[in-house]
């Protein structure tokens, strides 16, 4: 499976494992995801989206940091799919990894799909992060938390230097329907950047 010339053979092998299903193939799929060429690893990750459970989330999360950047879409899909089976435990695991190892756009994106009110502080901190991409992903994902997220933190974030972040914040503020959020949205219409106004 490690040999690039055996791309098709590796993908076919994963398809066979996918058809077999069950607990006995999951460990093999995790190993393939880590130790194979791109196509085979992607096929294994996609298969884990169907067959994986909570324990596989923690096993493949390190791939978000270490794996091929081309695998990120498949990883997000797989982690989301597995997280839906155990949303609270998955959110806890992903949140703990973010707090321990630092912010990562893919992890924030996934956490935003399964987040609970316990994850509010992760997103509050992410909105103040140095990396603009992290702030942008966090701003997009706070909508999932809705009014659980402190409105004051979003209003503060409207001072962000990045138009993308400000545009995402405007969208998130729409759920509050308070005077301060409405005033902020009206002000955004007069923003100096077309991106914010368009949103």
C-alpha atoms as a PDB file:
ATOM      1  CA  UNK A   1       0.000   0.000   0.000  1.00  0.00           C
ATOM      2  CA  UNK A   2       2.960   2.343   0.587  1.00  0.00           C
ATOM      3  CA  UNK A   3       4.116   2.127  -3.041  1.00  0.00           C
ATOM      4  CA  UNK A   4       2.736   4.906  -5.282  1.00  0.00           C
ATOM      5  CA  UNK A   5       2.566   2.474  -8.201  1.00  0.00           C
ATOM      6  CA  UNK A   6       0.005   0.489  -6.239  1.00  0.00           C
ATOM      7  CA  UNK A   7      -2.449   3.389  -5.891  1.00  0.00           C
ATOM      8  CA  UNK A   8      -5.344   1.489  -7.414  1.00  0.00           C
ATOM      9  CA  UNK A   9      -4.561  -1.688  -5.494  1.00  0.00           C
ATOM     10  CA  UNK A  10      -4.520   0.257  -2.217  1.00  0.00           C
ATOM     11  CA  UNK A  11      -7.837   1.968  -2.938  1.00  0.00           C
ATOM     12  CA  UNK A  12      -9.395  -1.370  -3.955  1.00  0.00           C
ATOM     13  CA  UNK A  13      -8.131  -2.942  -0.721  1.00  0.00           C
ATOM     14  CA  UNK A  14      -9.802  -0.151   1.266  1.00  0.00           C
ATOM     15  CA  UNK A  15     -13.028  -0.705  -0.689  1.00  0.00           C
ATOM     16  CA  UNK A  16     -12.933  -4.378   0.301  1.00  0.00           C
ATOM     17  CA  UNK A  17     -12.446  -3.405   3.964  1.00  0.00           C
ATOM     18  CA  UNK A  18     -15.300  -0.941   3.600  1.00  0.00           C
ATOM     19  CA  UNK A  19     -17.593  -3.709   2.372  1.00  0.00           C
ATOM     20  CA  UNK A  20     -16.581  -5.997   5.240  1.00  0.00           C
ATOM     21  CA  UNK A  21     -17.172  -3.249   7.805  1.00  0.00           C
ATOM     22  CA  UNK A  22     -17.316  -3.900  11.532  1.00  0.00           C
ATOM     23  CA  UNK A  23     -14.888  -3.420  14.390  1.00  0.00           C
ATOM     24  CA  UNK A  24     -12.276  -5.748  12.928  1.00  0.00           C
ATOM     25  CA  UNK A  25     -11.473  -3.462   9.960  1.00  0.00           C
ATOM     26  CA  UNK A  26     -11.396  -0.116  11.780  1.00  0.00           C
ATOM     27  CA  UNK A  27      -7.873  -0.471  13.172  1.00  0.00           C
ATOM     28  CA  UNK A  28      -6.612  -1.360   9.693  1.00  0.00           C
ATOM     29  CA  UNK A  29      -8.305   1.730   8.239  1.00  0.00           C
ATOM     30  CA  UNK A  30      -6.621   3.965  10.833  1.00  0.00           C
ATOM     31  CA  UNK A  31      -3.183   2.483  10.010  1.00  0.00           C
ATOM     32  CA  UNK A  32      -3.804   2.914   6.273  1.00  0.00           C
ATOM     33  CA  UNK A  33      -4.812   6.558   6.815  1.00  0.00           C
ATOM     34  CA  UNK A  34      -1.415   7.229   8.400  1.00  0.00           C
ATOM     35  CA  UNK A  35       0.913   5.064   6.332  1.00  0.00           C
ATOM     36  CA  UNK A  36      -0.280   5.117   2.726  1.00  0.00           C
ATOM     37  CA  UNK A  37      -0.056   7.180  -0.413  1.00  0.00           C
ATOM     38  CA  UNK A  38      -2.540  10.043  -0.805  1.00  0.00           C
ATOM     39  CA  UNK A  39      -5.321   8.189  -2.688  1.00  0.00           C
ATOM     40  CA  UNK A  40      -5.288   5.204  -0.385  1.00  0.00           C
ATOM     41  CA  UNK A  41      -5.143   7.349   2.760  1.00  0.00           C
ATOM     42  CA  UNK A  42      -8.069   9.438   1.476  1.00  0.00           C
ATOM     43  CA  UNK A  43     -10.112   6.294   0.773  1.00  0.00           C
ATOM     44  CA  UNK A  44      -9.386   4.997   4.304  1.00  0.00           C
ATOM     45  CA  UNK A  45     -10.425   8.315   5.889  1.00  0.00           C
ATOM     46  CA  UNK A  46     -13.656   8.347   3.864  1.00  0.00           C
ATOM     47  CA  UNK A  47     -14.353   4.799   5.016  1.00  0.00           C
ATOM     48  CA  UNK A  48     -13.784   5.816   8.656  1.00  0.00           C
ATOM     49  CA  UNK A  49     -16.521   8.429   8.218  1.00  0.00           C
ATOM     50  CA  UNK A  50     -18.931   5.502   7.875  1.00  0.00           C
ATOM     51  CA  UNK A  51     -17.449   2.913  10.210  1.00  0.00           C
ATOM     52  CA  UNK A  52     -15.524   4.912  12.809  1.00  0.00           C
ATOM     53  CA  UNK A  53     -16.685   5.653  16.331  1.00  0.00           C
ATOM     54  CA  UNK A  54     -15.625   7.939  19.147  1.00  0.00           C
ATOM     55  CA  UNK A  55     -12.267   6.227  19.774  1.00  0.00           C
ATOM     56  CA  UNK A  56     -11.295   6.706  16.110  1.00  0.00           C
ATOM     57  CA  UNK A  57     -11.784  10.474  16.401  1.00  0.00           C
ATOM     58  CA  UNK A  58      -8.895  10.728  18.842  1.00  0.00           C
ATOM     59  CA  UNK A  59      -6.812   8.386  16.666  1.00  0.00           C
ATOM     60  CA  UNK A  60      -7.123  10.448  13.487  1.00  0.00           C
ATOM     61  CA  UNK A  61      -7.133  13.960  15.002  1.00  0.00           C
ATOM     62  CA  UNK A  62      -3.292  14.122  14.864  1.00  0.00           C
ATOM     63  CA  UNK A  63      -3.564  13.773  11.063  1.00  0.00           C
ATOM     64  CA  UNK A  64      -5.089  17.267  11.045  1.00  0.00           C
ATOM     65  CA  UNK A  65      -1.665  18.552  12.105  1.00  0.00           C
ATOM     66  CA  UNK A  66       0.620  15.981  10.514  1.00  0.00           C
ATOM     67  CA  UNK A  67      -1.196  14.785   7.394  1.00  0.00           C
ATOM     68  CA  UNK A  68      -1.131  15.921   3.781  1.00  0.00           C
ATOM     69  CA  UNK A  69      -2.936  19.251   3.419  1.00  0.00           C
ATOM     70  CA  UNK A  70      -4.960  17.715   0.578  1.00  0.00           C
ATOM     71  CA  UNK A  71      -6.566  15.327   3.056  1.00  0.00           C
ATOM     72  CA  UNK A  72      -8.138  18.101   5.159  1.00  0.00           C
ATOM     73  CA  UNK A  73     -11.532  18.063   3.412  1.00  0.00           C
ATOM     74  CA  UNK A  74     -11.848  14.304   3.880  1.00  0.00           C
ATOM     75  CA  UNK A  75     -10.632  14.553   7.479  1.00  0.00           C
ATOM     76  CA  UNK A  76     -13.187  17.266   8.293  1.00  0.00           C
ATOM     77  CA  UNK A  77     -15.955  15.157   6.763  1.00  0.00           C
ATOM     78  CA  UNK A  78     -14.876  12.014   8.634  1.00  0.00           C
ATOM     79  CA  UNK A  79     -14.460  13.725  12.006  1.00  0.00           C
ATOM     80  CA  UNK A  80     -17.834  15.474  11.604  1.00  0.00           C
ATOM     81  CA  UNK A  81     -19.544  12.198  10.680  1.00  0.00           C
ATOM     82  CA  UNK A  82     -18.044  10.357  13.654  1.00  0.00           C
ATOM     83  CA  UNK A  83     -18.737  13.294  15.968  1.00  0.00           C
ATOM     84  CA  UNK A  84     -22.466  13.200  15.198  1.00  0.00           C
ATOM     85  CA  UNK A  85     -22.643   9.807  16.891  1.00  0.00           C
ATOM     86  CA  UNK A  86     -21.130  11.176  20.129  1.00  0.00           C
ATOM     87  CA  UNK A  87     -21.396  15.003  19.890  1.00  0.00           C
ATOM     88  CA  UNK A  88     -20.669  15.890  23.523  1.00  0.00           C
ATOM     89  CA  UNK A  89     -17.693  13.553  23.875  1.00  0.00           C
ATOM     90  CA  UNK A  90     -16.347  14.554  20.468  1.00  0.00           C
ATOM     91  CA  UNK A  91     -16.598  18.265  21.281  1.00  0.00           C
ATOM     92  CA  UNK A  92     -14.772  17.596  24.545  1.00  0.00           C
ATOM     93  CA  UNK A  93     -11.969  15.710  22.770  1.00  0.00           C
ATOM     94  CA  UNK A  94     -11.521  18.308  20.014  1.00  0.00           C
ATOM     95  CA  UNK A  95     -11.737  21.214  22.466  1.00  0.00           C
ATOM     96  CA  UNK A  96      -9.120  19.601  24.698  1.00  0.00           C
ATOM     97  CA  UNK A  97      -6.758  19.120  21.746  1.00  0.00           C
ATOM     98  CA  UNK A  98      -7.143  22.762  20.714  1.00  0.00           C
ATOM     99  CA  UNK A  99      -6.410  23.933  24.256  1.00  0.00           C
ATOM    100  CA  UNK A 100      -3.412  21.605  24.590  1.00  0.00           C
ATOM    101  CA  UNK A 101      -1.795  21.987  21.168  1.00  0.00           C
ATOM    102  CA  UNK A 102      -2.935  25.396  19.968  1.00  0.00           C
ATOM    103  CA  UNK A 103      -5.433  26.657  17.465  1.00  0.00           C
ATOM    104  CA  UNK A 104      -5.959  25.036  14.097  1.00  0.00           C
ATOM    105  CA  UNK A 105      -8.494  26.126  11.478  1.00  0.00           C
ATOM    106  CA  UNK A 106      -9.587  22.588  10.616  1.00  0.00           C
ATOM    107  CA  UNK A 107     -10.136  21.657  14.275  1.00  0.00           C
ATOM    108  CA  UNK A 108     -12.078  24.879  14.940  1.00  0.00           C
ATOM    109  CA  UNK A 109     -14.180  24.195  11.868  1.00  0.00           C
ATOM    110  CA  UNK A 110     -15.035  20.690  13.074  1.00  0.00           C
ATOM    111  CA  UNK A 111     -15.605  21.840  16.659  1.00  0.00           C
ATOM    112  CA  UNK A 112     -17.988  24.473  15.313  1.00  0.00           C
ATOM    113  CA  UNK A 113     -20.086  21.681  13.813  1.00  0.00           C
ATOM    114  CA  UNK A 114     -20.479  19.809  17.112  1.00  0.00           C
ATOM    115  CA  UNK A 115     -19.894  22.559  19.643  1.00  0.00           C
ATOM    116  CA  UNK A 116     -21.789  22.895  22.892  1.00  0.00           C
ATOM    117  CA  UNK A 117     -21.967  25.787  25.327  1.00  0.00           C
ATOM    118  CA  UNK A 118     -18.906  24.302  27.076  1.00  0.00           C
ATOM    119  CA  UNK A 119     -16.803  25.296  24.047  1.00  0.00           C
ATOM    120  CA  UNK A 120     -17.589  29.007  24.200  1.00  0.00           C
ATOM    121  CA  UNK A 121     -14.206  29.964  25.701  1.00  0.00           C
ATOM    122  CA  UNK A 122     -12.323  28.173  22.905  1.00  0.00           C
ATOM    123  CA  UNK A 123     -14.025  30.439  20.370  1.00  0.00           C
ATOM    124  CA  UNK A 124     -13.692  33.569  22.530  1.00  0.00           C
ATOM    125  CA  UNK A 125      -9.926  32.969  22.647  1.00  0.00           C
ATOM    126  CA  UNK A 126      -9.759  32.124  18.935  1.00  0.00           C
ATOM    127  CA  UNK A 127     -11.325  35.473  18.006  1.00  0.00           C
ATOM    128  CA  UNK A 128      -8.275  37.149  19.587  1.00  0.00           C
ATOM    129  CA  UNK A 129      -5.683  34.878  17.958  1.00  0.00           C
ATOM    130  CA  UNK A 130      -2.818  36.356  15.888  1.00  0.00           C
ATOM    131  CA  UNK A 131      -3.545  34.246  12.815  1.00  0.00           C
ATOM    132  CA  UNK A 132      -6.254  35.873  10.676  1.00  0.00           C
ATOM    133  CA  UNK A 133      -7.425  32.511   9.294  1.00  0.00           C
ATOM    134  CA  UNK A 134      -8.053  31.204  12.829  1.00  0.00           C
ATOM    135  CA  UNK A 135     -10.059  34.341  13.702  1.00  0.00           C
ATOM    136  CA  UNK A 136     -12.045  33.981  10.481  1.00  0.00           C
ATOM    137  CA  UNK A 137     -12.936  30.327  11.078  1.00  0.00           C
ATOM    138  CA  UNK A 138     -13.889  31.128  14.686  1.00  0.00           C
ATOM    139  CA  UNK A 139     -16.088  34.036  13.552  1.00  0.00           C
ATOM    140  CA  UNK A 140     -17.848  31.772  11.062  1.00  0.00           C
ATOM    141  CA  UNK A 141     -18.419  29.045  13.607  1.00  0.00           C
ATOM    142  CA  UNK A 142     -19.763  31.083  16.540  1.00  0.00           C
ATOM    143  CA  UNK A 143     -23.093  31.104  14.694  1.00  0.00           C
ATOM    144  CA  UNK A 144     -23.516  27.461  15.716  1.00  0.00           C
ATOM    145  CA  UNK A 145     -23.416  28.518  19.365  1.00  0.00           C
ATOM    146  CA  UNK A 146     -26.000  31.233  18.714  1.00  0.00           C
ATOM    147  CA  UNK A 147     -26.952  33.345  21.702  1.00  0.00           C
ATOM    148  CA  UNK A 148     -24.826  31.101  23.960  1.00  0.00           C
ATOM    149  CA  UNK A 149     -21.867  33.105  22.679  1.00  0.00           C
ATOM    150  CA  UNK A 150     -21.322  36.425  24.512  1.00  0.00           C
ATOM    151  CA  UNK A 151     -22.559  39.208  22.255  1.00  0.00           C
ATOM    152  CA  UNK A 152     -20.056  41.655  23.770  1.00  0.00           C
ATOM    153  CA  UNK A 153     -17.160  39.549  22.418  1.00  0.00           C
ATOM    154  CA  UNK A 154     -18.598  39.730  18.897  1.00  0.00           C
ATOM    155  CA  UNK A 155     -19.090  43.483  19.170  1.00  0.00           C
ATOM    156  CA  UNK A 156     -15.433  43.797  20.217  1.00  0.00           C
ATOM    157  CA  UNK A 157     -14.386  41.662  17.259  1.00  0.00           C
ATOM    158  CA  UNK A 158     -15.998  44.158  14.872  1.00  0.00           C
ATOM    159  CA  UNK A 159     -12.773  46.168  15.359  1.00  0.00           C
ATOM    160  CA  UNK A 160     -10.771  43.368  13.711  1.00  0.00           C
ATOM    161  CA  UNK A 161      -8.325  44.509  10.999  1.00  0.00           C
ATOM    162  CA  UNK A 162      -9.548  41.778   8.639  1.00  0.00           C
ATOM    163  CA  UNK A 163     -12.615  42.524   6.470  1.00  0.00           C
ATOM    164  CA  UNK A 164     -13.293  38.758   6.222  1.00  0.00           C
ATOM    165  CA  UNK A 165     -13.484  38.476   9.998  1.00  0.00           C
ATOM    166  CA  UNK A 166     -15.718  41.546  10.296  1.00  0.00           C
ATOM    167  CA  UNK A 167     -18.018  40.186   7.582  1.00  0.00           C
ATOM    168  CA  UNK A 168     -18.376  36.855   9.419  1.00  0.00           C
ATOM    169  CA  UNK A 169     -19.044  38.694  12.699  1.00  0.00           C
ATOM    170  CA  UNK A 170     -21.874  40.705  11.108  1.00  0.00           C
ATOM    171  CA  UNK A 171     -23.552  37.455  10.062  1.00  0.00           C
ATOM    172  CA  UNK A 172     -23.118  35.977  13.555  1.00  0.00           C
ATOM    173  CA  UNK A 173     -24.599  39.115  15.188  1.00  0.00           C
ATOM    174  CA  UNK A 174     -27.868  38.659  13.312  1.00  0.00           C
ATOM    175  CA  UNK A 175     -29.079  36.015  15.796  1.00  0.00           C
ATOM    176  CA  UNK A 176     -29.070  38.395  18.772  1.00  0.00           C
ATOM    177  CA  UNK A 177     -31.718  40.901  17.686  1.00  0.00           C
ATOM    178  CA  UNK A 178     -30.659  43.400  20.340  1.00  0.00           C
ATOM    179  CA  UNK A 179     -30.286  47.149  19.920  1.00  0.00           C
ATOM    180  CA  UNK A 180     -26.478  46.918  20.097  1.00  0.00           C
ATOM    181  CA  UNK A 181     -26.320  44.134  17.500  1.00  0.00           C
ATOM    182  CA  UNK A 182     -28.726  45.962  15.167  1.00  0.00           C
ATOM    183  CA  UNK A 183     -26.717  49.184  15.534  1.00  0.00           C
ATOM    184  CA  UNK A 184     -23.519  47.293  14.751  1.00  0.00           C
ATOM    185  CA  UNK A 185     -25.052  45.707  11.649  1.00  0.00           C
ATOM    186  CA  UNK A 186     -26.266  49.130  10.449  1.00  0.00           C
ATOM    187  CA  UNK A 187     -22.762  50.491  10.999  1.00  0.00           C
ATOM    188  CA  UNK A 188     -21.316  47.585   8.999  1.00  0.00           C
ATOM    189  CA  UNK A 189     -23.297  48.747   5.969  1.00  0.00           C
ATOM    190  CA  UNK A 190     -21.071  51.840   6.027  1.00  0.00           C
ATOM    191  CA  UNK A 191     -17.866  49.763   6.428  1.00  0.00           C
ATOM    192  CA  UNK A 192     -14.929  50.946   4.334  1.00  0.00           C
ATOM    193  CA  UNK A 193     -14.489  47.464   2.863  1.00  0.00           C
ATOM    194  CA  UNK A 194     -16.866  46.161   0.180  1.00  0.00           C
ATOM    195  CA  UNK A 195     -16.543  42.610   1.523  1.00  0.00           C
ATOM    196  CA  UNK A 196     -18.173  43.550   4.833  1.00  0.00           C
ATOM    197  CA  UNK A 197     -20.936  45.564   3.144  1.00  0.00           C
ATOM    198  CA  UNK A 198     -21.712  42.684   0.743  1.00  0.00           C
ATOM    199  CA  UNK A 199     -22.160  40.248   3.616  1.00  0.00           C
END
